[in-house]
Amino acid sequence: MLLSGLALTADATGDGFTRGLNRLMGFLLWQCAATALAILLFVLSRRLGIGGLRRAARLPAALAVLFWVLLVGSIAVAVWSNRPSDSQPNPAPTTQPSSDARPIAD
């Protein structure tokens, strides 16, 4: 899981919105692969006896779950915090002009 951070060091290609998106997608792809291996290790750890080795084998799955919960949670907070409020803004100007504008003489 930690080695997926190497995907963020790749060169950013493209321009505009898609610039650097390949790095993000590479990072998430490696996280998915690491999560799949962590789930496999979790399933195989059931055959181990009760003890420290069994708990250590389940640690990558716990870290993967924590990562995905934090990722989805941060996206949800970003979406929900950007919603408009129910109160209507005041249509009046926020500041009064200091003086009347005068035309510029030629």
N, C-alpha and C. Protein backbone atom coordinates (compact mmCIF):
# COMPACT_ATOMS: atom_id res chain seq x y z
N MET A 1 0.82 -1.18 0.00
CA MET A 1 0.00 0.00 0.00
C MET A 1 0.87 1.26 0.00
N LEU A 2 1.96 1.21 0.72
CA LEU A 2 2.83 2.38 0.78
C LEU A 2 3.53 2.63 -0.54
N LEU A 3 3.81 1.58 -1.28
CA LEU A 3 4.52 1.74 -2.55
C LEU A 3 3.65 2.36 -3.62
N SER A 4 2.33 2.41 -3.41
CA SER A 4 1.46 3.04 -4.40
C SER A 4 1.71 4.54 -4.47
N GLY A 5 2.34 5.11 -3.46
CA GLY A 5 2.71 6.52 -3.49
C GLY A 5 3.71 6.83 -4.58
N LEU A 6 4.42 5.82 -5.08
CA LEU A 6 5.36 6.04 -6.18
C LEU A 6 4.65 6.45 -7.46
N ALA A 7 3.37 6.10 -7.57
CA ALA A 7 2.60 6.50 -8.75
C ALA A 7 2.43 8.01 -8.80
N LEU A 8 2.51 8.67 -7.66
CA LEU A 8 2.36 10.12 -7.62
C LEU A 8 3.60 10.84 -8.12
N THR A 9 4.71 10.11 -8.28
CA THR A 9 5.94 10.74 -8.78
C THR A 9 6.05 10.67 -10.29
N ALA A 10 5.08 10.07 -10.96
CA ALA A 10 5.11 9.98 -12.43
C ALA A 10 4.96 11.37 -13.04
N ASP A 11 5.42 11.51 -14.26
CA ASP A 11 5.32 12.79 -14.95
C ASP A 11 3.87 13.11 -15.27
N ALA A 12 3.51 14.37 -15.09
CA ALA A 12 2.16 14.82 -15.42
C ALA A 12 2.09 15.08 -16.92
N THR A 13 1.15 14.44 -17.59
CA THR A 13 1.00 14.62 -19.03
C THR A 13 -0.35 15.27 -19.29
N GLY A 14 -0.50 15.86 -20.45
CA GLY A 14 -1.74 16.53 -20.80
C GLY A 14 -1.74 17.97 -20.32
N ASP A 15 -2.88 18.62 -20.50
CA ASP A 15 -2.98 19.99 -20.04
C ASP A 15 -4.40 20.24 -19.52
N GLY A 16 -4.57 21.30 -18.79
CA GLY A 16 -5.88 21.65 -18.26
C GLY A 16 -6.27 20.73 -17.12
N PHE A 17 -7.54 20.34 -17.13
CA PHE A 17 -8.09 19.53 -16.04
C PHE A 17 -7.44 18.16 -15.95
N THR A 18 -7.08 17.58 -17.09
CA THR A 18 -6.56 16.22 -17.09
C THR A 18 -5.08 16.14 -16.74
N ARG A 19 -4.42 17.28 -16.58
CA ARG A 19 -2.99 17.27 -16.26
C ARG A 19 -2.80 16.65 -14.88
N GLY A 20 -2.05 15.62 -14.82
CA GLY A 20 -1.77 14.96 -13.55
C GLY A 20 -2.82 13.93 -13.14
N LEU A 21 -3.88 13.82 -13.92
CA LEU A 21 -4.92 12.85 -13.57
C LEU A 21 -4.40 11.42 -13.69
N ASN A 22 -3.41 11.21 -14.57
CA ASN A 22 -2.83 9.87 -14.70
C ASN A 22 -2.13 9.44 -13.41
N ARG A 23 -1.56 10.39 -12.68
CA ARG A 23 -0.91 10.05 -11.41
C ARG A 23 -1.94 9.63 -10.37
N LEU A 24 -3.04 10.36 -10.31
CA LEU A 24 -4.09 10.03 -9.36
C LEU A 24 -4.70 8.66 -9.67
N MET A 25 -4.97 8.41 -10.94
CA MET A 25 -5.56 7.12 -11.32
C MET A 25 -4.58 5.98 -11.09
N GLY A 26 -3.29 6.22 -11.31
CA GLY A 26 -2.30 5.19 -11.01
C GLY A 26 -2.24 4.89 -9.52
N PHE A 27 -2.31 5.93 -8.70
CA PHE A 27 -2.31 5.74 -7.25
C PHE A 27 -3.52 4.92 -6.81
N LEU A 28 -4.71 5.27 -7.32
CA LEU A 28 -5.92 4.54 -6.93
C LEU A 28 -5.91 3.11 -7.47
N LEU A 29 -5.32 2.90 -8.64
CA LEU A 29 -5.22 1.53 -9.18
C LEU A 29 -4.33 0.66 -8.29
N TRP A 30 -3.19 1.21 -7.86
CA TRP A 30 -2.32 0.45 -6.96
C TRP A 30 -2.98 0.23 -5.60
N GLN A 31 -3.78 1.18 -5.14
CA GLN A 31 -4.50 0.99 -3.89
C GLN A 31 -5.53 -0.13 -4.02
N CYS A 32 -6.19 -0.21 -5.17
CA CYS A 32 -7.14 -1.30 -5.40
C CYS A 32 -6.43 -2.66 -5.41
N ALA A 33 -5.28 -2.71 -6.05
CA ALA A 33 -4.51 -3.96 -6.06
C ALA A 33 -4.06 -4.34 -4.66
N ALA A 34 -3.61 -3.37 -3.89
CA ALA A 34 -3.18 -3.65 -2.52
C ALA A 34 -4.36 -4.07 -1.65
N THR A 35 -5.52 -3.48 -1.88
CA THR A 35 -6.71 -3.86 -1.13
C THR A 35 -7.11 -5.30 -1.46
N ALA A 36 -7.02 -5.67 -2.72
CA ALA A 36 -7.35 -7.05 -3.10
C ALA A 36 -6.40 -8.04 -2.42
N LEU A 37 -5.11 -7.72 -2.39
CA LEU A 37 -4.17 -8.60 -1.70
C LEU A 37 -4.42 -8.63 -0.19
N ALA A 38 -4.81 -7.50 0.37
CA ALA A 38 -5.10 -7.45 1.81
C ALA A 38 -6.32 -8.29 2.14
N ILE A 39 -7.33 -8.26 1.28
CA ILE A 39 -8.52 -9.08 1.51
C ILE A 39 -8.17 -10.56 1.39
N LEU A 40 -7.35 -10.91 0.41
CA LEU A 40 -6.90 -12.30 0.26
C LEU A 40 -6.14 -12.76 1.50
N LEU A 41 -5.26 -11.91 2.01
CA LEU A 41 -4.51 -12.24 3.21
C LEU A 41 -5.43 -12.37 4.42
N PHE A 42 -6.45 -11.53 4.48
CA PHE A 42 -7.42 -11.61 5.57
C PHE A 42 -8.16 -12.95 5.54
N VAL A 43 -8.57 -13.35 4.35
CA VAL A 43 -9.30 -14.63 4.21
C VAL A 43 -8.38 -15.80 4.58
N LEU A 44 -7.13 -15.74 4.13
CA LEU A 44 -6.20 -16.82 4.43
C LEU A 44 -5.78 -16.84 5.90
N SER A 45 -5.91 -15.71 6.59
CA SER A 45 -5.51 -15.67 8.00
C SER A 45 -6.47 -16.42 8.90
N ARG A 46 -7.63 -16.78 8.40
CA ARG A 46 -8.58 -17.56 9.20
C ARG A 46 -8.03 -18.94 9.53
N ARG A 47 -7.14 -19.42 8.69
CA ARG A 47 -6.58 -20.76 8.92
C ARG A 47 -5.48 -20.76 9.98
N LEU A 48 -4.97 -19.57 10.29
CA LEU A 48 -3.92 -19.48 11.30
C LEU A 48 -4.52 -19.65 12.70
N GLY A 49 -3.70 -20.06 13.61
CA GLY A 49 -4.16 -20.19 14.98
C GLY A 49 -4.37 -18.83 15.61
N ILE A 50 -5.04 -18.84 16.73
CA ILE A 50 -5.28 -17.58 17.44
C ILE A 50 -3.95 -17.09 18.00
N GLY A 51 -3.64 -15.83 17.72
CA GLY A 51 -2.39 -15.28 18.22
C GLY A 51 -1.96 -14.05 17.45
N GLY A 52 -0.73 -13.67 17.69
CA GLY A 52 -0.19 -12.45 17.10
C GLY A 52 -0.04 -12.53 15.60
N LEU A 53 0.30 -13.70 15.07
CA LEU A 53 0.48 -13.83 13.62
C LEU A 53 -0.84 -13.63 12.90
N ARG A 54 -1.92 -14.11 13.48
CA ARG A 54 -3.23 -13.94 12.86
C ARG A 54 -3.62 -12.46 12.85
N ARG A 55 -3.37 -11.76 13.97
CA ARG A 55 -3.68 -10.33 14.03
C ARG A 55 -2.79 -9.54 13.07
N ALA A 56 -1.54 -9.92 12.95
CA ALA A 56 -0.63 -9.23 12.03
C ALA A 56 -1.05 -9.44 10.58
N ALA A 57 -1.59 -10.60 10.27
CA ALA A 57 -2.04 -10.87 8.91
C ALA A 57 -3.30 -10.08 8.56
N ARG A 58 -4.05 -9.68 9.56
CA ARG A 58 -5.27 -8.89 9.32
C ARG A 58 -5.02 -7.39 9.30
N LEU A 59 -3.85 -6.95 9.68
CA LEU A 59 -3.53 -5.53 9.73
C LEU A 59 -3.61 -4.84 8.35
N PRO A 60 -3.11 -5.44 7.26
CA PRO A 60 -3.24 -4.77 5.96
C PRO A 60 -4.70 -4.54 5.54
N ALA A 61 -5.58 -5.48 5.86
CA ALA A 61 -6.99 -5.30 5.53
C ALA A 61 -7.59 -4.15 6.34
N ALA A 62 -7.20 -4.04 7.59
CA ALA A 62 -7.70 -2.93 8.42
C ALA A 62 -7.20 -1.59 7.88
N LEU A 63 -5.96 -1.54 7.44
CA LEU A 63 -5.43 -0.30 6.87
C LEU A 63 -6.11 0.04 5.54
N ALA A 64 -6.43 -0.97 4.75
CA ALA A 64 -7.11 -0.73 3.48
C ALA A 64 -8.52 -0.20 3.72
N VAL A 65 -9.22 -0.78 4.68
CA VAL A 65 -10.57 -0.29 5.01
C VAL A 65 -10.48 1.14 5.52
N LEU A 66 -9.51 1.43 6.36
CA LEU A 66 -9.34 2.79 6.88
C LEU A 66 -9.07 3.77 5.75
N PHE A 67 -8.22 3.40 4.79
CA PHE A 67 -7.93 4.28 3.65
C PHE A 67 -9.19 4.59 2.86
N TRP A 68 -9.96 3.56 2.50
CA TRP A 68 -11.15 3.78 1.68
C TRP A 68 -12.23 4.55 2.43
N VAL A 69 -12.36 4.31 3.73
CA VAL A 69 -13.33 5.08 4.51
C VAL A 69 -12.93 6.55 4.56
N LEU A 70 -11.65 6.83 4.77
CA LEU A 70 -11.19 8.21 4.79
C LEU A 70 -11.34 8.88 3.42
N LEU A 71 -11.08 8.15 2.35
CA LEU A 71 -11.21 8.71 1.00
C LEU A 71 -12.67 9.05 0.70
N VAL A 72 -13.56 8.10 0.94
CA VAL A 72 -14.99 8.35 0.67
C VAL A 72 -15.52 9.43 1.61
N GLY A 73 -15.08 9.42 2.86
CA GLY A 73 -15.52 10.43 3.81
C GLY A 73 -15.07 11.83 3.43
N SER A 74 -13.84 11.96 2.96
CA SER A 74 -13.35 13.29 2.57
C SER A 74 -14.07 13.79 1.33
N ILE A 75 -14.41 12.89 0.40
CA ILE A 75 -15.18 13.30 -0.77
C ILE A 75 -16.58 13.72 -0.36
N ALA A 76 -17.19 12.98 0.55
CA ALA A 76 -18.53 13.34 1.02
C ALA A 76 -18.54 14.69 1.73
N VAL A 77 -17.54 14.95 2.55
CA VAL A 77 -17.46 16.24 3.24
C VAL A 77 -17.28 17.37 2.24
N ALA A 78 -16.45 17.14 1.22
CA ALA A 78 -16.23 18.18 0.21
C ALA A 78 -17.50 18.47 -0.57
N VAL A 79 -18.27 17.44 -0.87
CA VAL A 79 -19.51 17.64 -1.63
C VAL A 79 -20.56 18.33 -0.76
N TRP A 80 -20.73 17.86 0.47
CA TRP A 80 -21.77 18.41 1.33
C TRP A 80 -21.45 19.80 1.85
N SER A 81 -20.19 20.13 1.99
CA SER A 81 -19.85 21.46 2.48
C SER A 81 -19.95 22.51 1.39
N ASN A 82 -20.08 22.11 0.16
CA ASN A 82 -20.17 23.04 -0.96
C ASN A 82 -21.61 23.33 -1.35
N ARG A 83 -22.59 22.79 -0.63
CA ARG A 83 -23.99 23.03 -0.93
C ARG A 83 -24.38 24.46 -0.56
N PRO A 84 -25.29 25.06 -1.32
CA PRO A 84 -25.74 26.41 -0.95
C PRO A 84 -26.59 26.35 0.31
N SER A 85 -26.54 27.42 1.06
CA SER A 85 -27.32 27.46 2.30
C SER A 85 -28.77 27.80 1.99
N ASP A 86 -29.65 27.58 2.96
CA ASP A 86 -31.08 27.85 2.78
C ASP A 86 -31.39 29.34 2.85
N SER A 87 -30.57 30.11 3.52
CA SER A 87 -30.85 31.54 3.66
C SER A 87 -30.55 32.27 2.36
N GLN A 88 -31.37 33.27 2.08
CA GLN A 88 -31.20 34.06 0.86
C GLN A 88 -30.22 35.20 1.13
N PRO A 89 -29.33 35.49 0.21
CA PRO A 89 -28.40 36.60 0.42
C PRO A 89 -29.12 37.95 0.33
N ASN A 90 -28.57 38.95 0.95
CA ASN A 90 -29.13 40.29 0.93
C ASN A 90 -28.87 40.90 -0.45
N PRO A 91 -29.93 41.34 -1.17
CA PRO A 91 -29.71 41.89 -2.51
C PRO A 91 -29.11 43.30 -2.50
N ALA A 92 -29.04 43.94 -1.36
CA ALA A 92 -28.49 45.30 -1.30
C ALA A 92 -26.98 45.24 -1.48
N PRO A 93 -26.40 46.33 -1.99
CA PRO A 93 -24.94 46.34 -2.13
C PRO A 93 -24.27 46.29 -0.77
N THR A 94 -23.11 45.70 -0.73
CA THR A 94 -22.42 45.53 0.56
C THR A 94 -21.74 46.80 1.02
N THR A 95 -21.37 47.66 0.11
CA THR A 95 -20.72 48.93 0.49
C THR A 95 -21.38 50.07 -0.25
N GLN A 96 -21.32 51.26 0.31
CA GLN A 96 -21.84 52.46 -0.33
C GLN A 96 -20.68 53.14 -1.06
N PRO A 97 -20.95 53.71 -2.23
CA PRO A 97 -19.88 54.45 -2.92
C PRO A 97 -19.44 55.64 -2.07
N SER A 98 -18.16 55.94 -2.11
CA SER A 98 -17.64 57.03 -1.29
C SER A 98 -18.03 58.39 -1.83
N SER A 99 -18.14 58.55 -3.13
CA SER A 99 -18.57 59.82 -3.72
C SER A 99 -19.07 59.54 -5.13
N ASP A 100 -19.75 60.55 -5.69
CA ASP A 100 -20.24 60.39 -7.05
C ASP A 100 -19.06 60.38 -8.03
N ALA A 101 -19.19 59.60 -9.05
CA ALA A 101 -18.14 59.52 -10.06
C ALA A 101 -18.23 60.73 -10.97
N ARG A 102 -17.11 61.30 -11.31
CA ARG A 102 -17.05 62.45 -12.20
C ARG A 102 -16.48 62.00 -13.54
N PRO A 103 -17.00 62.55 -14.64
CA PRO A 103 -16.42 62.18 -15.94
C PRO A 103 -14.99 62.71 -16.09
N ILE A 104 -14.22 62.01 -16.84
CA ILE A 104 -12.83 62.41 -17.09
C ILE A 104 -12.81 63.45 -18.19
N ALA A 105 -12.16 64.58 -17.94
CA ALA A 105 -12.09 65.65 -18.94
C ALA A 105 -11.03 65.31 -19.97
N ASP A 106 -11.35 65.63 -21.22
CA ASP A 106 -10.39 65.37 -22.30
C ASP A 106 -9.32 66.41 -22.36
